């Protein structure tokens, strides 16, 4: 992996790089008790993360005193990354009306450096180079297992903040357009299916 052309090109690039440990705090998710339909704490599981982001509408909930999970409570802009499972998923958390915590199969990267945009970090970790860097620290072969300490040592790029924000804006606008197209296509498909069903008899 060290000889991979993409990794070599990245390491030799002139862009400023920093270890995650120096630009963020990282903590593991929490093992949770049995879910409860009327719980007061929402839990973000791996299955809740899609290519469109976190599906907040389907989050499981648990009953727990908030003070007991205070160290795990997610904040706006936290980057969630799967550290166990079958594949890497990355998402940026957005504040919700109910307190949320991550499941134990994820780690949370909370950016502390004002020169690093959380969404830019997500995009890098999902990029070809980012995934290859994550693969280098993966323990095991078939099942994803990324150690907390190893994750801290990944070097991430820190280009000028303006450049990061321009890329993030392009991504955000593109994602919004994509969602609109997908929603419209789903609505049209449902209407077509209903129309066909009504014409069956």
N, C-alpha and C. Protein backbone atom coordinates (compact mmCIF):
# COMPACT_ATOMS: atom_id res chain seq x y z
N UNK A 1 0.81 -1.20 0.00
CA UNK A 1 0.00 0.00 0.00
C UNK A 1 0.85 1.26 0.00
N UNK A 2 2.00 1.20 0.65
CA UNK A 2 2.88 2.37 0.70
C UNK A 2 3.34 2.76 -0.69
N UNK A 3 3.38 1.81 -1.62
CA UNK A 3 3.86 2.08 -2.98
C UNK A 3 2.72 2.44 -3.92
N UNK A 4 1.50 2.52 -3.42
CA UNK A 4 0.37 2.87 -4.26
C UNK A 4 0.58 4.26 -4.86
N UNK A 5 0.33 4.39 -6.16
CA UNK A 5 0.59 5.66 -6.85
C UNK A 5 -0.20 6.82 -6.25
N UNK A 6 -1.47 6.56 -5.91
CA UNK A 6 -2.29 7.63 -5.33
C UNK A 6 -1.75 8.08 -3.97
N UNK A 7 -1.33 7.12 -3.15
CA UNK A 7 -0.80 7.43 -1.83
C UNK A 7 0.51 8.21 -1.97
N UNK A 8 1.37 7.76 -2.88
CA UNK A 8 2.65 8.44 -3.10
C UNK A 8 2.40 9.87 -3.57
N UNK A 9 1.50 10.05 -4.53
CA UNK A 9 1.21 11.39 -5.05
C UNK A 9 0.66 12.29 -3.95
N UNK A 10 -0.18 11.72 -3.08
CA UNK A 10 -0.74 12.51 -1.98
C UNK A 10 0.34 12.92 -0.99
N UNK A 11 1.18 11.98 -0.60
CA UNK A 11 2.23 12.28 0.37
C UNK A 11 3.23 13.29 -0.17
N UNK A 12 3.44 13.28 -1.49
CA UNK A 12 4.41 14.19 -2.11
C UNK A 12 3.80 15.54 -2.48
N UNK A 13 2.50 15.66 -2.37
CA UNK A 13 1.85 16.92 -2.72
C UNK A 13 2.26 18.01 -1.72
N UNK A 14 2.16 19.25 -2.16
CA UNK A 14 2.62 20.37 -1.31
C UNK A 14 1.55 20.86 -0.35
N UNK A 15 0.33 20.31 -0.44
CA UNK A 15 -0.74 20.76 0.45
C UNK A 15 -0.36 20.46 1.90
N UNK A 16 -0.70 21.38 2.78
CA UNK A 16 -0.42 21.21 4.20
C UNK A 16 -1.21 20.02 4.73
N UNK A 17 -0.56 19.21 5.57
CA UNK A 17 -1.21 18.03 6.13
C UNK A 17 -1.02 18.02 7.65
N UNK A 18 -2.00 17.48 8.34
CA UNK A 18 -1.92 17.36 9.80
C UNK A 18 -2.51 16.00 10.21
N UNK A 19 -1.98 15.44 11.28
CA UNK A 19 -2.58 14.23 11.83
C UNK A 19 -3.94 14.57 12.43
N UNK A 20 -4.89 13.63 12.33
CA UNK A 20 -6.21 13.88 12.89
C UNK A 20 -6.15 14.21 14.38
N UNK A 21 -5.19 13.63 15.06
CA UNK A 21 -5.07 13.87 16.50
C UNK A 21 -4.77 15.33 16.83
N UNK A 22 -4.21 16.06 15.88
CA UNK A 22 -3.85 17.45 16.15
C UNK A 22 -4.91 18.45 15.70
N UNK A 23 -5.93 17.97 14.99
CA UNK A 23 -6.97 18.89 14.51
C UNK A 23 -8.36 18.48 15.00
N UNK A 24 -8.42 17.45 15.83
CA UNK A 24 -9.73 16.96 16.28
C UNK A 24 -9.60 16.15 17.55
N UNK A 25 -10.74 15.90 18.17
CA UNK A 25 -10.80 14.90 19.24
C UNK A 25 -11.63 13.74 18.70
N UNK A 26 -11.22 12.53 19.04
CA UNK A 26 -11.89 11.34 18.51
C UNK A 26 -12.34 10.47 19.67
N UNK A 27 -13.57 10.01 19.60
CA UNK A 27 -14.06 9.09 20.63
C UNK A 27 -14.94 8.02 20.00
N UNK A 28 -14.99 6.90 20.67
CA UNK A 28 -15.79 5.77 20.18
C UNK A 28 -17.25 5.94 20.55
N UNK A 29 -18.10 5.25 19.79
CA UNK A 29 -19.51 5.23 20.11
C UNK A 29 -19.78 4.39 21.35
N UNK A 30 -21.02 4.28 21.71
CA UNK A 30 -21.40 3.61 22.96
C UNK A 30 -22.27 2.38 22.70
N UNK A 31 -21.99 1.34 23.46
CA UNK A 31 -22.88 0.18 23.45
C UNK A 31 -24.19 0.60 24.10
N UNK A 32 -25.28 0.24 23.50
CA UNK A 32 -26.58 0.71 24.00
C UNK A 32 -27.46 -0.45 24.43
N UNK A 33 -28.35 -0.19 25.38
CA UNK A 33 -29.29 -1.23 25.81
C UNK A 33 -30.36 -1.43 24.74
N UNK A 34 -31.31 -2.29 25.03
CA UNK A 34 -32.37 -2.59 24.07
C UNK A 34 -33.12 -1.31 23.70
N UNK A 35 -33.45 -1.18 22.41
CA UNK A 35 -34.15 0.02 21.95
C UNK A 35 -35.55 0.09 22.54
N UNK A 36 -36.04 1.32 22.66
CA UNK A 36 -37.38 1.56 23.20
C UNK A 36 -38.12 2.50 22.25
N UNK A 37 -39.39 2.18 21.99
CA UNK A 37 -40.16 2.98 21.03
C UNK A 37 -40.34 4.41 21.49
N UNK A 38 -40.38 4.62 22.78
CA UNK A 38 -40.59 5.97 23.30
C UNK A 38 -39.36 6.47 24.06
N UNK A 39 -38.18 6.07 23.60
CA UNK A 39 -36.96 6.47 24.28
C UNK A 39 -36.69 7.96 24.15
N UNK A 40 -35.86 8.47 25.05
CA UNK A 40 -35.54 9.90 25.05
C UNK A 40 -34.21 10.20 24.38
N UNK A 41 -33.45 9.16 24.03
CA UNK A 41 -32.15 9.33 23.36
C UNK A 41 -32.17 8.58 22.03
N UNK A 42 -31.79 9.27 20.96
CA UNK A 42 -31.72 8.62 19.65
C UNK A 42 -30.32 8.04 19.44
N UNK A 43 -30.24 6.93 18.70
CA UNK A 43 -28.97 6.26 18.44
C UNK A 43 -28.74 6.19 16.93
N UNK A 44 -27.57 6.66 16.50
CA UNK A 44 -27.20 6.58 15.09
C UNK A 44 -26.45 5.28 14.86
N UNK A 45 -27.04 4.39 14.08
CA UNK A 45 -26.42 3.11 13.73
C UNK A 45 -25.84 3.17 12.32
N UNK A 46 -25.01 2.19 12.01
CA UNK A 46 -24.39 2.14 10.68
C UNK A 46 -25.46 2.14 9.59
N UNK A 47 -26.53 1.39 9.80
CA UNK A 47 -27.58 1.28 8.78
C UNK A 47 -28.31 2.59 8.53
N UNK A 48 -28.16 3.56 9.43
CA UNK A 48 -28.82 4.86 9.27
C UNK A 48 -28.04 5.80 8.35
N UNK A 49 -26.82 5.43 8.01
CA UNK A 49 -25.98 6.27 7.16
C UNK A 49 -26.10 5.81 5.71
N UNK A 50 -26.53 6.71 4.85
CA UNK A 50 -26.68 6.42 3.43
C UNK A 50 -25.80 7.37 2.63
N UNK A 51 -25.82 7.20 1.31
CA UNK A 51 -25.04 8.10 0.46
C UNK A 51 -25.58 9.52 0.50
N UNK A 52 -26.80 9.69 0.99
CA UNK A 52 -27.41 11.01 1.10
C UNK A 52 -27.20 11.63 2.48
N UNK A 53 -26.57 10.90 3.38
CA UNK A 53 -26.34 11.39 4.73
C UNK A 53 -27.00 10.50 5.77
N UNK A 54 -27.27 11.04 6.93
CA UNK A 54 -27.91 10.28 8.01
C UNK A 54 -29.42 10.36 7.86
N UNK A 55 -30.08 9.21 7.90
CA UNK A 55 -31.55 9.18 7.84
C UNK A 55 -32.09 9.31 9.27
N UNK A 56 -32.35 10.53 9.67
CA UNK A 56 -32.76 10.79 11.05
C UNK A 56 -34.16 10.27 11.36
N UNK A 57 -34.95 10.02 10.33
CA UNK A 57 -36.33 9.62 10.53
C UNK A 57 -36.47 8.19 11.05
N UNK A 58 -35.42 7.38 10.89
CA UNK A 58 -35.53 5.97 11.28
C UNK A 58 -34.63 5.61 12.47
N UNK A 59 -34.09 6.61 13.15
CA UNK A 59 -33.18 6.32 14.26
C UNK A 59 -33.88 5.57 15.39
N UNK A 60 -33.20 4.55 15.91
CA UNK A 60 -33.68 3.86 17.11
C UNK A 60 -33.57 4.80 18.30
N UNK A 61 -34.33 4.53 19.34
CA UNK A 61 -34.22 5.31 20.57
C UNK A 61 -34.06 4.38 21.77
N UNK A 62 -33.46 4.90 22.82
CA UNK A 62 -33.29 4.16 24.06
C UNK A 62 -33.76 5.04 25.22
N UNK A 63 -34.06 4.39 26.32
CA UNK A 63 -34.38 5.12 27.55
C UNK A 63 -33.14 5.15 28.42
N UNK A 64 -32.65 6.35 28.69
CA UNK A 64 -31.43 6.48 29.48
C UNK A 64 -31.36 7.90 30.05
N UNK A 65 -30.79 8.04 31.23
CA UNK A 65 -30.57 9.37 31.78
C UNK A 65 -29.52 10.08 30.93
N UNK A 66 -29.82 11.30 30.54
CA UNK A 66 -28.93 12.02 29.64
C UNK A 66 -27.54 12.20 30.23
N UNK A 67 -27.47 12.37 31.53
CA UNK A 67 -26.17 12.57 32.17
C UNK A 67 -25.26 11.34 32.02
N UNK A 68 -25.86 10.16 31.89
CA UNK A 68 -25.09 8.93 31.78
C UNK A 68 -24.47 8.76 30.39
N UNK A 69 -24.99 9.48 29.43
CA UNK A 69 -24.45 9.38 28.06
C UNK A 69 -23.88 10.72 27.59
N UNK A 70 -23.69 11.64 28.53
CA UNK A 70 -23.28 13.01 28.17
C UNK A 70 -21.99 13.05 27.37
N UNK A 71 -21.06 12.16 27.66
CA UNK A 71 -19.77 12.19 26.95
C UNK A 71 -19.90 11.70 25.51
N UNK A 72 -21.03 11.06 25.19
CA UNK A 72 -21.24 10.53 23.85
C UNK A 72 -22.18 11.38 23.00
N UNK A 73 -22.78 12.40 23.59
CA UNK A 73 -23.77 13.19 22.87
C UNK A 73 -23.14 13.88 21.66
N UNK A 74 -23.79 13.73 20.52
CA UNK A 74 -23.28 14.29 19.27
C UNK A 74 -23.56 15.78 19.18
N UNK A 75 -22.64 16.49 18.55
CA UNK A 75 -22.79 17.92 18.31
C UNK A 75 -22.83 18.19 16.81
N UNK A 76 -23.43 19.32 16.46
CA UNK A 76 -23.52 19.72 15.07
C UNK A 76 -22.12 19.78 14.44
N UNK A 77 -21.94 19.10 13.31
CA UNK A 77 -20.65 19.11 12.63
C UNK A 77 -19.76 17.93 12.95
N UNK A 78 -20.16 17.09 13.90
CA UNK A 78 -19.37 15.89 14.20
C UNK A 78 -19.32 14.98 12.98
N UNK A 79 -18.14 14.41 12.73
CA UNK A 79 -17.97 13.48 11.61
C UNK A 79 -18.04 12.06 12.16
N UNK A 80 -18.99 11.28 11.68
CA UNK A 80 -19.14 9.89 12.10
C UNK A 80 -18.51 8.98 11.06
N UNK A 81 -17.74 8.01 11.53
CA UNK A 81 -17.10 7.06 10.62
C UNK A 81 -17.22 5.66 11.20
N UNK A 82 -17.60 4.71 10.35
CA UNK A 82 -17.71 3.34 10.82
C UNK A 82 -16.31 2.76 11.04
N UNK A 83 -16.12 2.11 12.16
CA UNK A 83 -14.83 1.50 12.47
C UNK A 83 -14.94 -0.02 12.61
N UNK A 84 -16.16 -0.52 12.50
CA UNK A 84 -16.40 -1.96 12.46
C UNK A 84 -17.52 -2.22 11.48
N UNK A 85 -17.48 -3.39 10.85
CA UNK A 85 -18.53 -3.71 9.90
C UNK A 85 -17.97 -4.25 8.60
N UNK A 86 -18.68 -3.99 7.51
CA UNK A 86 -18.27 -4.53 6.22
C UNK A 86 -17.67 -3.48 5.29
N UNK A 87 -18.02 -2.21 5.50
CA UNK A 87 -17.45 -1.16 4.67
C UNK A 87 -17.44 0.17 5.40
N UNK A 88 -16.66 1.10 4.88
CA UNK A 88 -16.52 2.41 5.52
C UNK A 88 -17.68 3.31 5.11
N UNK A 89 -18.29 3.93 6.09
CA UNK A 89 -19.31 4.95 5.85
C UNK A 89 -18.92 6.19 6.65
N UNK A 90 -19.12 7.35 6.04
CA UNK A 90 -18.78 8.61 6.70
C UNK A 90 -19.96 9.57 6.57
N UNK A 91 -20.27 10.30 7.62
CA UNK A 91 -21.38 11.25 7.57
C UNK A 91 -21.10 12.40 8.53
N UNK A 92 -21.71 13.53 8.25
CA UNK A 92 -21.61 14.69 9.14
C UNK A 92 -22.95 14.85 9.86
N UNK A 93 -22.89 14.90 11.19
CA UNK A 93 -24.10 14.99 12.00
C UNK A 93 -24.63 16.42 12.02
N UNK A 94 -25.97 16.54 11.98
CA UNK A 94 -26.65 17.83 12.12
C UNK A 94 -27.54 17.77 13.36
N UNK A 95 -27.56 18.86 14.11
CA UNK A 95 -28.34 18.91 15.34
C UNK A 95 -29.78 18.46 15.13
N UNK A 96 -30.31 17.69 16.09
CA UNK A 96 -31.68 17.21 16.06
C UNK A 96 -32.42 17.68 17.31
N UNK A 97 -33.75 17.55 17.27
CA UNK A 97 -34.55 18.00 18.41
C UNK A 97 -34.36 17.10 19.63
N UNK A 98 -33.91 15.86 19.37
CA UNK A 98 -33.70 14.91 20.47
C UNK A 98 -32.21 14.60 20.58
N UNK A 99 -31.65 14.45 21.79
CA UNK A 99 -30.23 14.11 21.95
C UNK A 99 -29.90 12.83 21.20
N UNK A 100 -28.73 12.79 20.57
CA UNK A 100 -28.31 11.63 19.78
C UNK A 100 -26.93 11.16 20.21
N UNK A 101 -26.72 9.85 20.17
CA UNK A 101 -25.41 9.27 20.43
C UNK A 101 -25.09 8.28 19.30
N UNK A 102 -23.79 8.00 19.07
CA UNK A 102 -23.42 7.02 18.05
C UNK A 102 -23.36 5.62 18.64
N UNK A 103 -23.61 4.62 17.81
CA UNK A 103 -23.50 3.23 18.26
C UNK A 103 -22.03 2.86 18.42
N UNK A 104 -21.79 1.71 18.99
CA UNK A 104 -20.42 1.28 19.32
C UNK A 104 -19.58 0.91 18.10
N UNK A 105 -20.22 0.77 16.94
CA UNK A 105 -19.49 0.41 15.73
C UNK A 105 -18.94 1.62 14.98
N UNK A 106 -19.05 2.78 15.61
CA UNK A 106 -18.57 4.00 14.98
C UNK A 106 -17.66 4.79 15.89
N UNK A 107 -16.85 5.63 15.27
CA UNK A 107 -16.08 6.62 16.01
C UNK A 107 -16.53 8.00 15.56
N UNK A 108 -16.35 8.96 16.45
CA UNK A 108 -16.73 10.34 16.16
C UNK A 108 -15.47 11.20 16.09
N UNK A 109 -15.36 11.94 15.00
CA UNK A 109 -14.25 12.88 14.83
C UNK A 109 -14.83 14.28 15.01
N UNK A 110 -14.46 14.93 16.10
CA UNK A 110 -14.96 16.28 16.38
C UNK A 110 -13.85 17.28 16.06
N UNK A 111 -14.00 17.99 14.97
CA UNK A 111 -12.96 18.92 14.51
C UNK A 111 -12.80 20.05 15.51
N UNK A 112 -11.56 20.30 15.89
CA UNK A 112 -11.25 21.38 16.84
C UNK A 112 -10.45 22.50 16.21
N UNK A 113 -9.95 22.28 15.02
CA UNK A 113 -9.15 23.29 14.32
C UNK A 113 -10.07 24.11 13.42
N UNK A 114 -10.09 25.41 13.62
CA UNK A 114 -10.98 26.28 12.85
C UNK A 114 -10.61 26.34 11.37
N UNK A 115 -9.44 25.83 11.03
CA UNK A 115 -9.00 25.84 9.64
C UNK A 115 -9.38 24.57 8.88
N UNK A 116 -10.18 23.71 9.52
CA UNK A 116 -10.62 22.48 8.87
C UNK A 116 -12.14 22.41 8.90
N UNK A 117 -12.75 22.29 7.72
CA UNK A 117 -14.20 22.18 7.60
C UNK A 117 -14.61 20.71 7.75
N UNK A 118 -15.60 20.45 8.58
CA UNK A 118 -16.02 19.07 8.87
C UNK A 118 -16.49 18.34 7.61
N UNK A 119 -17.25 19.02 6.78
CA UNK A 119 -17.74 18.38 5.56
C UNK A 119 -16.61 18.11 4.59
N UNK A 120 -15.63 19.03 4.54
CA UNK A 120 -14.45 18.80 3.70
C UNK A 120 -13.72 17.54 4.18
N UNK A 121 -13.59 17.38 5.50
CA UNK A 121 -12.95 16.19 6.06
C UNK A 121 -13.70 14.93 5.65
N UNK A 122 -15.03 14.97 5.71
CA UNK A 122 -15.84 13.82 5.28
C UNK A 122 -15.55 13.48 3.83
N UNK A 123 -15.52 14.50 2.97
CA UNK A 123 -15.28 14.27 1.54
C UNK A 123 -13.90 13.67 1.30
N UNK A 124 -12.91 14.11 2.08
CA UNK A 124 -11.57 13.54 1.91
C UNK A 124 -11.54 12.08 2.34
N UNK A 125 -12.15 11.77 3.49
CA UNK A 125 -12.13 10.40 3.98
C UNK A 125 -12.87 9.45 3.05
N UNK A 126 -13.84 9.97 2.30
CA UNK A 126 -14.59 9.15 1.36
C UNK A 126 -13.92 9.07 -0.01
N UNK A 127 -12.89 9.88 -0.22
CA UNK A 127 -12.22 9.90 -1.52
C UNK A 127 -11.38 8.64 -1.70
N UNK A 128 -10.89 8.43 -2.90
CA UNK A 128 -10.09 7.24 -3.18
C UNK A 128 -8.86 7.18 -2.29
N UNK A 129 -8.19 8.33 -2.14
CA UNK A 129 -6.99 8.38 -1.30
C UNK A 129 -7.37 8.17 0.16
N UNK A 130 -8.44 8.84 0.59
CA UNK A 130 -8.87 8.70 1.97
C UNK A 130 -9.20 7.27 2.34
N UNK A 131 -9.91 6.58 1.45
CA UNK A 131 -10.26 5.18 1.71
C UNK A 131 -9.03 4.29 1.73
N UNK A 132 -8.05 4.61 0.89
CA UNK A 132 -6.81 3.83 0.89
C UNK A 132 -6.03 4.05 2.18
N UNK A 133 -6.03 5.28 2.69
CA UNK A 133 -5.36 5.55 3.96
C UNK A 133 -6.05 4.80 5.11
N UNK A 134 -7.36 4.75 5.05
CA UNK A 134 -8.11 4.01 6.07
C UNK A 134 -7.84 2.51 5.96
N UNK A 135 -7.72 2.03 4.73
CA UNK A 135 -7.44 0.61 4.53
C UNK A 135 -6.08 0.23 5.10
N UNK A 136 -5.13 1.17 5.05
CA UNK A 136 -3.79 0.89 5.59
C UNK A 136 -3.83 0.62 7.08
N UNK A 137 -4.76 1.24 7.79
CA UNK A 137 -4.81 1.06 9.25
C UNK A 137 -5.85 0.02 9.66
N UNK A 138 -6.52 -0.56 8.67
CA UNK A 138 -7.53 -1.57 8.98
C UNK A 138 -6.88 -2.84 9.50
N UNK A 139 -7.41 -3.36 10.57
CA UNK A 139 -6.92 -4.61 11.15
C UNK A 139 -7.85 -5.73 10.73
N UNK A 140 -7.30 -6.79 10.20
CA UNK A 140 -8.12 -7.85 9.65
C UNK A 140 -8.30 -7.65 8.16
N UNK A 141 -8.92 -8.60 7.51
CA UNK A 141 -9.05 -8.55 6.06
C UNK A 141 -10.50 -8.42 5.60
N UNK A 142 -11.35 -9.35 5.99
CA UNK A 142 -12.73 -9.36 5.48
C UNK A 142 -13.64 -8.39 6.24
N UNK A 143 -13.45 -8.27 7.54
CA UNK A 143 -14.31 -7.41 8.35
C UNK A 143 -13.57 -6.14 8.75
N UNK A 144 -14.22 -5.01 8.55
CA UNK A 144 -13.63 -3.72 8.89
C UNK A 144 -13.38 -3.63 10.39
N UNK A 145 -12.17 -3.24 10.76
CA UNK A 145 -11.83 -3.04 12.17
C UNK A 145 -10.74 -1.99 12.25
N UNK A 146 -11.12 -0.77 12.56
CA UNK A 146 -10.17 0.34 12.63
C UNK A 146 -9.98 0.74 14.09
N UNK A 147 -8.74 0.68 14.52
CA UNK A 147 -8.40 1.01 15.90
C UNK A 147 -8.43 2.52 16.12
N UNK A 148 -8.92 2.91 17.29
CA UNK A 148 -9.07 4.31 17.65
C UNK A 148 -7.73 5.06 17.55
N UNK A 149 -6.67 4.46 18.08
CA UNK A 149 -5.36 5.12 18.09
C UNK A 149 -4.80 5.25 16.68
N UNK A 150 -5.03 4.25 15.84
CA UNK A 150 -4.54 4.30 14.46
C UNK A 150 -5.25 5.40 13.66
N UNK A 151 -6.53 5.56 13.91
CA UNK A 151 -7.31 6.59 13.22
C UNK A 151 -6.74 7.98 13.50
N UNK A 152 -6.29 8.18 14.71
CA UNK A 152 -5.73 9.49 15.09
C UNK A 152 -4.50 9.86 14.27
N UNK A 153 -3.78 8.87 13.77
CA UNK A 153 -2.51 9.12 13.09
C UNK A 153 -2.65 9.34 11.59
N UNK A 154 -3.85 9.26 11.06
CA UNK A 154 -4.04 9.53 9.63
C UNK A 154 -3.77 11.00 9.35
N UNK A 155 -3.01 11.25 8.29
CA UNK A 155 -2.73 12.62 7.88
C UNK A 155 -3.80 13.10 6.91
N UNK A 156 -4.41 14.24 7.22
CA UNK A 156 -5.44 14.80 6.35
C UNK A 156 -4.97 16.14 5.81
N UNK A 157 -5.42 16.51 4.60
CA UNK A 157 -4.99 17.77 4.01
C UNK A 157 -5.70 18.96 4.65
N UNK A 158 -4.98 20.06 4.77
CA UNK A 158 -5.55 21.30 5.30
C UNK A 158 -5.26 22.43 4.31
N UNK A 159 -5.95 22.43 3.16
CA UNK A 159 -5.77 23.54 2.22
C UNK A 159 -6.39 24.81 2.79
N UNK A 160 -6.21 25.96 2.14
CA UNK A 160 -6.85 27.19 2.62
C UNK A 160 -8.34 26.99 2.84
N UNK A 161 -8.87 27.57 3.90
CA UNK A 161 -10.27 27.37 4.27
C UNK A 161 -11.22 27.79 3.16
N UNK A 162 -10.89 28.86 2.45
CA UNK A 162 -11.73 29.30 1.34
C UNK A 162 -11.88 28.21 0.28
N UNK A 163 -10.78 27.52 0.00
CA UNK A 163 -10.82 26.44 -0.99
C UNK A 163 -11.69 25.29 -0.50
N UNK A 164 -11.58 24.98 0.79
CA UNK A 164 -12.42 23.93 1.36
C UNK A 164 -13.90 24.28 1.23
N UNK A 165 -14.23 25.52 1.59
CA UNK A 165 -15.63 25.93 1.60
C UNK A 165 -16.23 25.98 0.19
N UNK A 166 -15.41 26.30 -0.80
CA UNK A 166 -15.90 26.30 -2.18
C UNK A 166 -16.25 24.87 -2.61
N UNK A 167 -15.39 23.91 -2.26
CA UNK A 167 -15.66 22.52 -2.59
C UNK A 167 -16.90 22.02 -1.86
N UNK A 168 -17.02 22.39 -0.60
CA UNK A 168 -18.18 21.97 0.20
C UNK A 168 -19.46 22.56 -0.38
N UNK A 169 -19.41 23.82 -0.81
CA UNK A 169 -20.59 24.44 -1.40
C UNK A 169 -21.02 23.72 -2.68
N UNK A 170 -20.06 23.37 -3.52
CA UNK A 170 -20.36 22.62 -4.74
C UNK A 170 -21.00 21.27 -4.40
N UNK A 171 -20.44 20.61 -3.39
CA UNK A 171 -20.97 19.32 -2.96
C UNK A 171 -22.39 19.47 -2.41
N UNK A 172 -22.60 20.47 -1.56
CA UNK A 172 -23.91 20.68 -0.93
C UNK A 172 -24.98 20.99 -1.97
N UNK A 173 -24.63 21.86 -2.91
CA UNK A 173 -25.59 22.22 -3.96
C UNK A 173 -25.89 21.01 -4.85
N UNK A 174 -24.85 20.25 -5.19
CA UNK A 174 -25.04 19.06 -6.02
C UNK A 174 -25.89 18.02 -5.32
N UNK A 175 -25.66 17.83 -4.01
CA UNK A 175 -26.43 16.86 -3.23
C UNK A 175 -27.89 17.27 -3.16
N UNK A 176 -28.13 18.57 -2.97
CA UNK A 176 -29.50 19.07 -2.91
C UNK A 176 -30.24 18.82 -4.23
N UNK A 177 -29.56 19.07 -5.33
CA UNK A 177 -30.16 18.83 -6.64
C UNK A 177 -30.44 17.34 -6.84
N UNK A 178 -29.48 16.51 -6.42
CA UNK A 178 -29.64 15.06 -6.55
C UNK A 178 -30.84 14.57 -5.75
N UNK A 179 -31.00 15.07 -4.53
CA UNK A 179 -32.13 14.67 -3.68
C UNK A 179 -33.45 15.05 -4.34
N UNK A 180 -33.50 16.25 -4.92
CA UNK A 180 -34.73 16.70 -5.57
C UNK A 180 -35.09 15.80 -6.74
N UNK A 181 -34.07 15.41 -7.52
CA UNK A 181 -34.31 14.54 -8.67
C UNK A 181 -34.78 13.16 -8.21
N UNK A 182 -34.13 12.64 -7.17
CA UNK A 182 -34.51 11.32 -6.64
C UNK A 182 -35.94 11.35 -6.09
N UNK A 183 -36.27 12.39 -5.33
CA UNK A 183 -37.62 12.51 -4.77
C UNK A 183 -38.67 12.58 -5.87
N UNK A 184 -38.36 13.37 -6.90
CA UNK A 184 -39.30 13.51 -8.01
C UNK A 184 -39.47 12.18 -8.73
N UNK A 185 -38.37 11.46 -8.93
CA UNK A 185 -38.44 10.16 -9.60
C UNK A 185 -39.23 9.16 -8.78
N UNK A 186 -39.03 9.15 -7.45
CA UNK A 186 -39.77 8.24 -6.58
C UNK A 186 -41.27 8.56 -6.61
N UNK A 187 -41.60 9.85 -6.58
CA UNK A 187 -43.02 10.25 -6.62
C UNK A 187 -43.67 9.80 -7.93
N UNK A 188 -42.95 10.01 -9.04
CA UNK A 188 -43.48 9.63 -10.35
C UNK A 188 -43.67 8.12 -10.44
N UNK A 189 -42.73 7.36 -9.87
CA UNK A 189 -42.81 5.90 -9.90
C UNK A 189 -43.99 5.40 -9.07
N UNK A 190 -44.19 6.00 -7.89
CA UNK A 190 -45.31 5.60 -7.04
C UNK A 190 -46.65 5.90 -7.72
N UNK A 191 -46.74 7.05 -8.37
CA UNK A 191 -47.98 7.41 -9.07
C UNK A 191 -48.25 6.44 -10.22
N UNK A 192 -47.18 6.08 -10.93
CA UNK A 192 -47.33 5.15 -12.05
C UNK A 192 -47.80 3.79 -11.56
N UNK A 193 -47.19 3.30 -10.47
CA UNK A 193 -47.59 2.01 -9.92
C UNK A 193 -49.06 2.03 -9.47
N UNK A 194 -49.45 3.11 -8.82
CA UNK A 194 -50.84 3.24 -8.36
C UNK A 194 -51.79 3.27 -9.53
N UNK A 195 -51.42 4.01 -10.59
CA UNK A 195 -52.26 4.12 -11.78
C UNK A 195 -52.43 2.76 -12.46
N UNK A 196 -51.33 2.01 -12.54
CA UNK A 196 -51.38 0.69 -13.15
C UNK A 196 -52.26 -0.26 -12.32
N UNK A 197 -52.09 -0.18 -10.99
CA UNK A 197 -52.87 -1.03 -10.11
C UNK A 197 -54.37 -0.75 -10.24
N UNK A 198 -54.73 0.53 -10.38
CA UNK A 198 -56.14 0.88 -10.51
C UNK A 198 -56.73 0.38 -11.83
N UNK A 199 -55.87 0.14 -12.82
CA UNK A 199 -56.36 -0.31 -14.10
C UNK A 199 -56.36 -1.82 -14.26
N UNK A 200 -56.00 -2.53 -13.19
CA UNK A 200 -55.92 -4.00 -13.28
C UNK A 200 -57.29 -4.67 -13.26
N UNK A 201 -58.30 -4.00 -12.67
CA UNK A 201 -59.64 -4.61 -12.56
C UNK A 201 -60.70 -3.54 -12.49
